[in-house]
Structure formats: structure tokens, C-alpha cells
């Protein structure tokens, strides 16, 4: 089974790093196959940014996403732009402070205040990427929570490890509500 994922928003939101962490969670810690590609505008911050990840139990023959199983969008522009390639059975994750469900989408939606929570809890907006990854992992089981924890800890600076673990727990708690 193969899962196609796109994490989309603006440059500076940590979505490229999040895609790398998700891929590493799958390959290194869950022993699956994964490929990750990224795309970003010429602007250093504020331009569109996305990370595509394919995770599979088997071989991956084509490294580009075509029909998304999971879409995370931190901006309305990316939600509107990419929802048309989200499968009918797909899952849409949005930051509910910045994104409304596109009119042409009637599938499953997970809507949480990722960025506001990161700002209010940690005074650090970029940690929203880890909160979102953990809600995706918990709701879809695309990677195990344990694998995600290990990959996050491997990639976090020593002084930020506890904060990242707390961010994972927050993302999980969103899905349990």
C-alpha cells in the first residue's frame, strides 16, 4: 500500500523539514519505503512552499504525487490549489485560523489551530509543523507515533527536544477531542 502526502503553506513554516521528518519516520524507524520532494517559491519567506512524501510498504516506482491521500494546508491558497488532487477517500488537515474548507471538497477534514497553538504555547510559530505532523500520524497511522517521536528527537536541537515532544502530544490531543 502506498500513501501520497502533501504538506503545503508558506516558506518559513517548516513544512520542508516536516516532510523530511515524516519520510525519516517511515524509512528509518518504521522500515517502510519513502521518497520526499519539495517545492518553494523564490521568496525566502512568505512564498508558497510544499513538501511531497510518498510512503509505501513496497517499491515506489514513480517519485511524484499524483492523487493525494493526505493534504495538510496552512494557507487558503494551497488548500484551494491542491484539494482537487485529494482522493475522495483522502484526508484534509487545515489550520482553522487561516484556512476554510474549499467549496469543492466534501471529504474528511481535520481542522485545528496549529499555528495559534504553537504561538501561544511555545511563542514559536514554526513548531506548528510538529503539532500538525503528530495529528496526521495519529489520525492516519501513516507512520507510528513512536517512529515520529524518534525522528523528531533525532532532528531537534538538544535544547528543543522537550518542546518538540510536548508539541507531538498536543497534536495527538487535537485528534482525541
N, C-alpha and C. Protein backbone atom coordinates (compact mmCIF):
# COMPACT_ATOMS: atom_id res chain seq x y z
N UNK A 1 0.83 -1.18 0.00
CA UNK A 1 0.00 0.00 0.00
C UNK A 1 0.88 1.25 0.00
N UNK A 2 0.46 2.24 -0.75
CA UNK A 2 1.21 3.48 -0.89
C UNK A 2 0.34 4.65 -0.46
N UNK A 3 0.94 5.62 0.24
CA UNK A 3 0.23 6.81 0.71
C UNK A 3 0.93 8.05 0.17
N UNK A 4 0.17 8.91 -0.51
CA UNK A 4 0.72 10.15 -1.08
C UNK A 4 0.28 11.33 -0.21
N UNK A 5 1.26 12.15 0.17
CA UNK A 5 1.03 13.23 1.13
C UNK A 5 1.62 14.52 0.60
N UNK A 6 0.92 15.62 0.81
CA UNK A 6 1.47 16.95 0.52
C UNK A 6 1.27 17.82 1.76
N UNK A 7 2.36 18.45 2.19
CA UNK A 7 2.35 19.43 3.28
C UNK A 7 2.57 20.78 2.61
N UNK A 8 1.60 21.69 2.69
CA UNK A 8 1.67 22.92 1.89
C UNK A 8 1.35 24.14 2.73
N UNK A 9 2.03 25.23 2.40
CA UNK A 9 1.81 26.50 3.07
C UNK A 9 2.75 27.54 2.52
N UNK A 10 3.32 28.35 3.43
CA UNK A 10 4.26 29.41 3.05
C UNK A 10 5.66 29.04 3.50
N UNK A 11 6.64 29.60 2.79
CA UNK A 11 8.02 29.43 3.19
C UNK A 11 8.21 29.95 4.61
N UNK A 12 9.03 29.26 5.39
CA UNK A 12 9.29 29.66 6.76
C UNK A 12 8.42 28.95 7.78
N UNK A 13 7.46 28.13 7.32
CA UNK A 13 6.59 27.41 8.25
C UNK A 13 7.13 26.02 8.61
N UNK A 14 8.27 25.67 8.08
CA UNK A 14 8.90 24.41 8.45
C UNK A 14 8.33 23.18 7.77
N UNK A 15 7.65 23.37 6.66
CA UNK A 15 7.00 22.23 6.00
C UNK A 15 7.97 21.34 5.23
N UNK A 16 9.03 21.92 4.72
CA UNK A 16 10.06 21.11 4.05
C UNK A 16 10.72 20.19 5.09
N UNK A 17 11.07 20.76 6.22
CA UNK A 17 11.67 19.97 7.31
C UNK A 17 10.68 18.92 7.80
N UNK A 18 9.41 19.30 7.91
CA UNK A 18 8.39 18.35 8.35
C UNK A 18 8.30 17.16 7.38
N UNK A 19 8.38 17.43 6.09
CA UNK A 19 8.35 16.36 5.11
C UNK A 19 9.54 15.42 5.26
N UNK A 20 10.70 16.01 5.51
CA UNK A 20 11.90 15.20 5.75
C UNK A 20 11.71 14.31 6.98
N UNK A 21 11.20 14.89 8.06
CA UNK A 21 10.99 14.14 9.30
C UNK A 21 9.97 13.01 9.09
N UNK A 22 8.91 13.29 8.35
CA UNK A 22 7.91 12.27 8.08
C UNK A 22 8.51 11.12 7.27
N UNK A 23 9.30 11.46 6.26
CA UNK A 23 9.96 10.43 5.47
C UNK A 23 10.94 9.61 6.29
N UNK A 24 11.68 10.29 7.14
CA UNK A 24 12.63 9.58 8.01
C UNK A 24 11.89 8.69 9.02
N UNK A 25 10.77 9.16 9.53
CA UNK A 25 9.96 8.34 10.43
C UNK A 25 9.60 7.02 9.75
N UNK A 26 9.18 7.13 8.49
CA UNK A 26 8.76 5.94 7.74
C UNK A 26 9.92 5.01 7.45
N UNK A 27 11.02 5.57 6.94
CA UNK A 27 12.10 4.71 6.45
C UNK A 27 13.00 4.17 7.56
N UNK A 28 13.48 5.06 8.41
CA UNK A 28 14.46 4.65 9.42
C UNK A 28 13.80 3.90 10.57
N UNK A 29 12.64 4.37 11.01
CA UNK A 29 12.06 3.83 12.23
C UNK A 29 10.88 2.88 12.01
N UNK A 30 10.12 3.03 10.92
CA UNK A 30 9.03 2.10 10.63
C UNK A 30 9.41 1.09 9.54
N UNK A 31 10.60 1.22 8.99
CA UNK A 31 11.13 0.29 7.99
C UNK A 31 10.25 0.17 6.75
N UNK A 32 9.70 1.31 6.32
CA UNK A 32 8.94 1.37 5.08
C UNK A 32 9.80 2.06 4.03
N UNK A 33 9.29 2.15 2.83
CA UNK A 33 9.95 2.91 1.78
C UNK A 33 9.31 4.29 1.69
N UNK A 34 10.10 5.30 1.35
CA UNK A 34 9.57 6.66 1.21
C UNK A 34 10.44 7.47 0.28
N UNK A 35 9.79 8.41 -0.39
CA UNK A 35 10.50 9.43 -1.16
C UNK A 35 9.91 10.78 -0.75
N UNK A 36 10.74 11.80 -0.78
CA UNK A 36 10.31 13.14 -0.41
C UNK A 36 10.88 14.13 -1.39
N UNK A 37 10.02 15.01 -1.89
CA UNK A 37 10.47 16.10 -2.75
C UNK A 37 9.88 17.39 -2.20
N UNK A 38 10.49 18.50 -2.56
CA UNK A 38 9.99 19.77 -2.05
C UNK A 38 9.95 20.80 -3.16
N UNK A 39 9.11 21.81 -2.93
CA UNK A 39 8.95 22.89 -3.88
C UNK A 39 8.75 24.17 -3.10
N UNK A 40 9.39 25.24 -3.55
CA UNK A 40 9.23 26.51 -2.86
C UNK A 40 9.48 27.64 -3.83
N UNK A 41 8.83 28.77 -3.54
CA UNK A 41 8.97 29.94 -4.39
C UNK A 41 10.32 30.61 -4.20
N UNK A 42 10.57 31.63 -4.97
CA UNK A 42 11.86 32.32 -4.91
C UNK A 42 12.00 33.16 -3.65
N UNK A 43 10.88 33.49 -3.00
CA UNK A 43 10.94 34.28 -1.78
C UNK A 43 11.52 33.42 -0.66
N UNK A 44 12.31 34.03 0.23
CA UNK A 44 12.87 33.30 1.35
C UNK A 44 11.76 32.93 2.34
N UNK A 45 10.85 33.85 2.59
CA UNK A 45 9.71 33.61 3.47
C UNK A 45 8.47 34.20 2.82
N UNK A 46 7.35 33.52 3.00
CA UNK A 46 6.09 34.06 2.51
C UNK A 46 5.64 33.51 1.17
N UNK A 47 6.55 32.98 0.36
CA UNK A 47 6.14 32.37 -0.91
C UNK A 47 5.62 30.97 -0.66
N UNK A 48 4.95 30.42 -1.64
CA UNK A 48 4.40 29.07 -1.48
C UNK A 48 5.52 28.05 -1.28
N UNK A 49 5.24 27.10 -0.41
CA UNK A 49 6.19 26.05 -0.09
C UNK A 49 5.42 24.75 0.09
N UNK A 50 5.97 23.66 -0.41
CA UNK A 50 5.32 22.37 -0.18
C UNK A 50 6.34 21.25 -0.15
N UNK A 51 5.96 20.21 0.53
CA UNK A 51 6.77 19.01 0.63
C UNK A 51 5.87 17.82 0.29
N UNK A 52 6.30 17.01 -0.65
CA UNK A 52 5.56 15.82 -1.05
C UNK A 52 6.28 14.59 -0.55
N UNK A 53 5.50 13.69 0.02
CA UNK A 53 6.06 12.45 0.57
C UNK A 53 5.21 11.30 0.08
N UNK A 54 5.85 10.26 -0.39
CA UNK A 54 5.17 9.00 -0.70
C UNK A 54 5.75 7.96 0.24
N UNK A 55 4.87 7.29 0.96
CA UNK A 55 5.27 6.24 1.90
C UNK A 55 4.61 4.95 1.44
N UNK A 56 5.42 3.88 1.37
CA UNK A 56 4.89 2.62 0.84
C UNK A 56 5.51 1.42 1.56
N UNK A 57 4.71 0.36 1.64
CA UNK A 57 5.23 -0.90 2.15
C UNK A 57 6.06 -1.61 1.08
N UNK A 58 5.80 -1.27 -0.18
CA UNK A 58 6.51 -1.88 -1.30
C UNK A 58 7.40 -0.88 -2.01
N UNK A 59 7.79 -1.23 -3.21
CA UNK A 59 8.64 -0.35 -4.01
C UNK A 59 7.85 0.86 -4.49
N UNK A 60 8.55 1.96 -4.65
CA UNK A 60 7.96 3.19 -5.18
C UNK A 60 8.56 3.39 -6.56
N UNK A 61 7.72 3.30 -7.58
CA UNK A 61 8.22 3.36 -8.95
C UNK A 61 8.19 4.76 -9.55
N UNK A 62 7.35 5.63 -9.01
CA UNK A 62 7.25 7.00 -9.53
C UNK A 62 7.31 7.95 -8.34
N UNK A 63 8.32 8.84 -8.29
CA UNK A 63 8.56 9.62 -7.07
C UNK A 63 7.75 10.91 -6.92
N UNK A 64 6.72 11.10 -7.71
CA UNK A 64 5.91 12.32 -7.63
C UNK A 64 4.49 11.97 -7.22
N UNK A 65 3.88 12.81 -6.40
CA UNK A 65 2.49 12.57 -6.02
C UNK A 65 1.58 12.93 -7.18
N UNK A 66 0.52 12.15 -7.32
CA UNK A 66 -0.47 12.40 -8.37
C UNK A 66 -1.88 12.52 -7.78
N UNK A 67 -2.18 11.66 -6.82
CA UNK A 67 -3.50 11.62 -6.20
C UNK A 67 -3.28 11.53 -4.69
N UNK A 68 -3.48 12.63 -4.02
CA UNK A 68 -3.16 12.72 -2.60
C UNK A 68 -4.11 11.91 -1.72
N UNK A 69 -3.52 11.24 -0.73
CA UNK A 69 -4.29 10.59 0.33
C UNK A 69 -4.43 11.55 1.51
N UNK A 70 -3.42 12.41 1.69
CA UNK A 70 -3.37 13.35 2.81
C UNK A 70 -2.88 14.69 2.29
N UNK A 71 -3.59 15.74 2.67
CA UNK A 71 -3.16 17.11 2.37
C UNK A 71 -3.20 17.91 3.66
N UNK A 72 -2.07 18.51 4.02
CA UNK A 72 -2.01 19.49 5.11
C UNK A 72 -1.84 20.85 4.46
N UNK A 73 -2.70 21.78 4.83
CA UNK A 73 -2.57 23.13 4.28
C UNK A 73 -2.62 24.16 5.40
N UNK A 74 -1.60 25.01 5.41
CA UNK A 74 -1.53 26.11 6.37
C UNK A 74 -2.02 27.42 5.75
N UNK A 75 -2.33 27.42 4.44
CA UNK A 75 -2.82 28.64 3.77
C UNK A 75 -4.02 28.31 2.89
N UNK A 76 -4.87 29.30 2.71
CA UNK A 76 -6.04 29.12 1.85
C UNK A 76 -5.64 28.87 0.40
N UNK A 77 -4.62 29.57 -0.04
CA UNK A 77 -4.16 29.42 -1.43
C UNK A 77 -3.78 27.98 -1.72
N UNK A 78 -3.02 27.35 -0.82
CA UNK A 78 -2.59 25.97 -1.08
C UNK A 78 -3.75 24.99 -0.93
N UNK A 79 -4.67 25.25 -0.01
CA UNK A 79 -5.84 24.37 0.12
C UNK A 79 -6.66 24.40 -1.16
N UNK A 80 -6.94 25.59 -1.67
CA UNK A 80 -7.72 25.72 -2.89
C UNK A 80 -6.99 25.10 -4.09
N UNK A 81 -5.69 25.26 -4.13
CA UNK A 81 -4.90 24.80 -5.26
C UNK A 81 -4.77 23.27 -5.32
N UNK A 82 -4.63 22.63 -4.17
CA UNK A 82 -4.31 21.20 -4.16
C UNK A 82 -5.46 20.28 -3.80
N UNK A 83 -6.58 20.82 -3.32
CA UNK A 83 -7.68 19.94 -2.92
C UNK A 83 -8.23 19.14 -4.10
N UNK A 84 -8.04 19.65 -5.30
CA UNK A 84 -8.55 18.94 -6.48
C UNK A 84 -7.79 17.65 -6.78
N UNK A 85 -6.61 17.44 -6.20
CA UNK A 85 -5.91 16.17 -6.40
C UNK A 85 -5.98 15.28 -5.15
N UNK A 86 -6.79 15.70 -4.18
CA UNK A 86 -7.03 14.88 -2.99
C UNK A 86 -8.09 13.84 -3.34
N UNK A 87 -7.79 12.58 -3.08
CA UNK A 87 -8.72 11.49 -3.37
C UNK A 87 -10.03 11.70 -2.60
N UNK A 88 -11.11 11.12 -3.11
CA UNK A 88 -12.39 11.17 -2.40
C UNK A 88 -12.27 10.59 -1.00
N UNK A 89 -11.42 9.60 -0.85
CA UNK A 89 -11.21 8.96 0.45
C UNK A 89 -10.08 9.65 1.24
N UNK A 90 -9.55 10.74 0.70
CA UNK A 90 -8.43 11.44 1.32
C UNK A 90 -8.81 12.19 2.57
N UNK A 91 -7.78 12.67 3.26
CA UNK A 91 -7.97 13.42 4.50
C UNK A 91 -7.32 14.79 4.36
N UNK A 92 -8.09 15.82 4.66
CA UNK A 92 -7.62 17.19 4.57
C UNK A 92 -7.38 17.72 5.98
N UNK A 93 -6.15 18.15 6.24
CA UNK A 93 -5.77 18.76 7.51
C UNK A 93 -5.54 20.24 7.25
N UNK A 94 -6.23 21.10 8.01
CA UNK A 94 -6.08 22.54 7.80
C UNK A 94 -5.89 23.26 9.13
N UNK A 95 -5.23 24.40 9.04
CA UNK A 95 -5.15 25.31 10.17
C UNK A 95 -6.43 26.13 10.15
N UNK A 96 -7.29 25.93 11.13
CA UNK A 96 -8.62 26.53 11.06
C UNK A 96 -8.64 28.04 11.30
N UNK A 97 -7.53 28.64 11.66
CA UNK A 97 -7.47 30.10 11.76
C UNK A 97 -7.23 30.75 10.40
N UNK A 98 -6.64 30.02 9.48
CA UNK A 98 -6.22 30.59 8.20
C UNK A 98 -6.87 29.95 6.98
N UNK A 99 -7.49 28.81 7.16
CA UNK A 99 -8.00 28.06 6.02
C UNK A 99 -9.44 27.62 6.25
N UNK A 100 -10.27 27.88 5.27
CA UNK A 100 -11.64 27.36 5.24
C UNK A 100 -11.64 26.15 4.30
N UNK A 101 -12.52 25.23 4.57
CA UNK A 101 -12.63 24.06 3.69
C UNK A 101 -13.06 24.55 2.31
N UNK A 102 -12.29 24.22 1.27
CA UNK A 102 -12.68 24.64 -0.08
C UNK A 102 -14.08 24.15 -0.44
N UNK A 103 -14.81 24.98 -1.17
CA UNK A 103 -16.20 24.70 -1.52
C UNK A 103 -16.37 23.39 -2.29
N UNK A 104 -15.37 23.03 -3.08
CA UNK A 104 -15.49 21.83 -3.91
C UNK A 104 -15.00 20.57 -3.19
N UNK A 105 -14.82 20.62 -1.87
CA UNK A 105 -14.35 19.44 -1.13
C UNK A 105 -15.39 19.04 -0.09
N UNK A 106 -15.77 17.77 -0.10
CA UNK A 106 -16.73 17.31 0.89
C UNK A 106 -16.26 16.04 1.59
N UNK A 107 -14.95 15.84 1.61
CA UNK A 107 -14.39 14.66 2.28
C UNK A 107 -14.08 14.92 3.74
N UNK A 108 -13.27 14.06 4.31
CA UNK A 108 -12.93 14.14 5.73
C UNK A 108 -11.96 15.29 6.00
N UNK A 109 -12.28 16.08 7.02
CA UNK A 109 -11.49 17.27 7.35
C UNK A 109 -11.07 17.22 8.82
N UNK A 110 -9.81 17.55 9.07
CA UNK A 110 -9.28 17.72 10.41
C UNK A 110 -8.84 19.17 10.50
N UNK A 111 -9.53 19.93 11.32
CA UNK A 111 -9.34 21.38 11.37
C UNK A 111 -8.93 21.79 12.78
N UNK A 112 -7.69 22.24 12.92
CA UNK A 112 -7.14 22.58 14.23
C UNK A 112 -6.36 23.89 14.17
N UNK A 113 -6.20 24.56 15.31
CA UNK A 113 -5.44 25.83 15.35
C UNK A 113 -3.94 25.58 15.55
N UNK A 114 -3.30 24.98 14.57
CA UNK A 114 -1.89 24.61 14.70
C UNK A 114 -1.00 25.81 15.01
N UNK A 115 -1.10 26.85 14.19
CA UNK A 115 -0.20 27.99 14.32
C UNK A 115 -0.49 28.78 15.60
N UNK A 116 -1.74 29.04 15.88
CA UNK A 116 -2.10 29.77 17.11
C UNK A 116 -1.61 29.01 18.34
N UNK A 117 -1.76 27.71 18.34
CA UNK A 117 -1.31 26.90 19.47
C UNK A 117 0.20 26.98 19.63
N UNK A 118 0.92 26.88 18.52
CA UNK A 118 2.39 26.98 18.58
C UNK A 118 2.82 28.34 19.12
N UNK A 119 2.14 29.37 18.67
CA UNK A 119 2.47 30.73 19.11
C UNK A 119 2.16 30.91 20.60
N UNK A 120 0.97 30.49 21.03
CA UNK A 120 0.57 30.73 22.41
C UNK A 120 1.28 29.81 23.40
N UNK A 121 1.51 28.58 23.02
CA UNK A 121 2.13 27.61 23.93
C UNK A 121 3.65 27.74 24.00
N UNK A 122 4.27 27.99 22.84
CA UNK A 122 5.74 27.97 22.78
C UNK A 122 6.36 29.30 22.35
N UNK A 123 5.51 30.25 21.96
CA UNK A 123 5.99 31.52 21.41
C UNK A 123 6.94 31.28 20.23
N UNK A 124 6.60 30.26 19.44
CA UNK A 124 7.43 29.84 18.32
C UNK A 124 6.53 29.21 17.26
N UNK A 125 6.21 29.97 16.24
CA UNK A 125 5.25 29.53 15.23
C UNK A 125 5.71 28.29 14.48
N UNK A 126 7.00 28.15 14.24
CA UNK A 126 7.49 27.05 13.41
C UNK A 126 7.21 25.68 14.01
N UNK A 127 6.98 25.59 15.31
CA UNK A 127 6.69 24.29 15.94
C UNK A 127 5.30 23.77 15.53
N UNK A 128 4.52 24.60 14.84
CA UNK A 128 3.23 24.15 14.32
C UNK A 128 3.40 22.96 13.38
N UNK A 129 4.55 22.88 12.72
CA UNK A 129 4.77 21.76 11.81
C UNK A 129 4.79 20.42 12.55
N UNK A 130 5.37 20.40 13.73
CA UNK A 130 5.44 19.16 14.52
C UNK A 130 4.06 18.82 15.10
N UNK A 131 3.34 19.84 15.54
CA UNK A 131 1.97 19.62 16.03
C UNK A 131 1.13 18.99 14.92
N UNK A 132 1.24 19.53 13.72
CA UNK A 132 0.47 19.02 12.59
C UNK A 132 0.91 17.60 12.21
N UNK A 133 2.21 17.35 12.18
CA UNK A 133 2.69 16.00 11.83
C UNK A 133 2.13 14.96 12.79
N UNK A 134 2.10 15.29 14.07
CA UNK A 134 1.62 14.29 15.03
C UNK A 134 0.12 14.05 14.88
N UNK A 135 -0.64 15.09 14.54
CA UNK A 135 -2.07 14.86 14.32
C UNK A 135 -2.28 14.01 13.07
N UNK A 136 -1.47 14.22 12.04
CA UNK A 136 -1.55 13.40 10.83
C UNK A 136 -1.19 11.94 11.16
N UNK A 137 -0.10 11.75 11.86
CA UNK A 137 0.33 10.39 12.20
C UNK A 137 -0.72 9.68 13.05
N UNK A 138 -1.27 10.38 14.01
CA UNK A 138 -2.27 9.76 14.89
C UNK A 138 -3.56 9.43 14.13
N UNK A 139 -4.04 10.35 13.33
CA UNK A 139 -5.32 10.18 12.64
C UNK A 139 -5.26 9.19 11.48
N UNK A 140 -4.09 9.03 10.87
CA UNK A 140 -3.99 8.19 9.67
C UNK A 140 -3.14 6.94 9.85
N UNK A 141 -2.30 6.92 10.86
CA UNK A 141 -1.35 5.83 11.09
C UNK A 141 -0.42 5.62 9.90
N UNK A 142 -0.15 6.69 9.15
CA UNK A 142 0.77 6.59 8.02
C UNK A 142 2.19 6.26 8.52
N UNK A 143 2.52 6.75 9.70
CA UNK A 143 3.71 6.34 10.43
C UNK A 143 3.28 6.15 11.87
N UNK A 144 4.02 5.37 12.60
CA UNK A 144 3.69 5.18 14.01
C UNK A 144 4.10 6.42 14.81
N UNK A 145 3.40 6.66 15.88
CA UNK A 145 3.74 7.79 16.75
C UNK A 145 5.15 7.59 17.31
N UNK A 146 5.50 6.36 17.64
CA UNK A 146 6.84 6.09 18.17
C UNK A 146 7.92 6.44 17.15
N UNK A 147 7.71 6.08 15.89
CA UNK A 147 8.67 6.42 14.83
C UNK A 147 8.76 7.93 14.67
N UNK A 148 7.63 8.61 14.72
CA UNK A 148 7.64 10.07 14.61
C UNK A 148 8.41 10.69 15.76
N UNK A 149 8.17 10.22 16.97
CA UNK A 149 8.92 10.75 18.14
C UNK A 149 10.43 10.59 17.94
N UNK A 150 10.84 9.42 17.50
CA UNK A 150 12.27 9.16 17.31
C UNK A 150 12.85 10.08 16.23
N UNK A 151 12.15 10.25 15.13
CA UNK A 151 12.65 11.11 14.05
C UNK A 151 12.69 12.57 14.48
N UNK A 152 11.67 13.01 15.20
CA UNK A 152 11.66 14.40 15.69
C UNK A 152 12.83 14.62 16.64
N UNK A 153 13.04 13.71 17.57
CA UNK A 153 14.16 13.86 18.52
C UNK A 153 15.51 13.83 17.82
N UNK A 154 15.62 13.00 16.79
CA UNK A 154 16.88 12.92 16.03
C UNK A 154 17.18 14.24 15.33
N UNK A 155 16.14 14.97 14.92
CA UNK A 155 16.31 16.20 14.15
C UNK A 155 16.22 17.48 14.96
N UNK A 156 15.83 17.38 16.22
CA UNK A 156 15.67 18.58 17.05
C UNK A 156 16.96 18.91 17.79
N UNK A 157 17.27 20.19 17.92
CA UNK A 157 18.42 20.56 18.75
C UNK A 157 18.17 20.12 20.20
N UNK A 158 19.22 19.86 20.92
CA UNK A 158 19.11 19.36 22.29
C UNK A 158 18.19 20.22 23.15
N UNK A 159 18.32 21.54 23.04
CA UNK A 159 17.52 22.44 23.89
C UNK A 159 16.04 22.47 23.50
N UNK A 160 15.69 21.91 22.35
CA UNK A 160 14.30 21.94 21.89
C UNK A 160 13.61 20.58 21.95
N UNK A 161 14.29 19.57 22.46
CA UNK A 161 13.72 18.21 22.46
C UNK A 161 12.44 18.12 23.28
N UNK A 162 12.44 18.66 24.50
CA UNK A 162 11.24 18.60 25.34
C UNK A 162 10.08 19.34 24.71
N UNK A 163 10.36 20.49 24.11
CA UNK A 163 9.32 21.28 23.45
C UNK A 163 8.72 20.48 22.28
N UNK A 164 9.55 19.81 21.52
CA UNK A 164 9.06 19.03 20.39
C UNK A 164 8.23 17.84 20.85
N UNK A 165 8.63 17.20 21.93
CA UNK A 165 7.83 16.09 22.47
C UNK A 165 6.46 16.59 22.95
N UNK A 166 6.44 17.75 23.57
CA UNK A 166 5.18 18.34 24.01
C UNK A 166 4.31 18.69 22.80
N UNK A 167 4.94 19.19 21.74
CA UNK A 167 4.20 19.52 20.52
C UNK A 167 3.55 18.27 19.92
N UNK A 168 4.24 17.15 19.96
CA UNK A 168 3.67 15.89 19.47
C UNK A 168 2.43 15.53 20.28
N UNK A 169 2.55 15.64 21.59
CA UNK A 169 1.40 15.32 22.45
C UNK A 169 0.21 16.23 22.19
N UNK A 170 0.46 17.50 21.89
CA UNK A 170 -0.61 18.44 21.59
C UNK A 170 -1.33 18.03 20.30
N UNK A 171 -0.57 17.69 19.26
CA UNK A 171 -1.17 17.26 18.00
C UNK A 171 -2.03 16.03 18.16
N UNK A 172 -1.57 15.09 18.99
CA UNK A 172 -2.36 13.89 19.27
C UNK A 172 -3.64 14.26 20.01
N UNK A 173 -3.51 15.17 20.98
CA UNK A 173 -4.69 15.55 21.78
C UNK A 173 -5.76 16.23 20.91
N UNK A 174 -5.34 16.96 19.88
CA UNK A 174 -6.32 17.56 18.96
C UNK A 174 -7.24 16.48 18.38
N UNK A 175 -6.64 15.36 17.98
CA UNK A 175 -7.41 14.29 17.33
C UNK A 175 -8.26 13.51 18.31
N UNK A 176 -7.92 13.55 19.57
CA UNK A 176 -8.68 12.80 20.58
C UNK A 176 -9.91 13.57 21.06
N UNK A 177 -10.02 14.84 20.72
CA UNK A 177 -11.16 15.65 21.18
C UNK A 177 -12.44 15.24 20.53
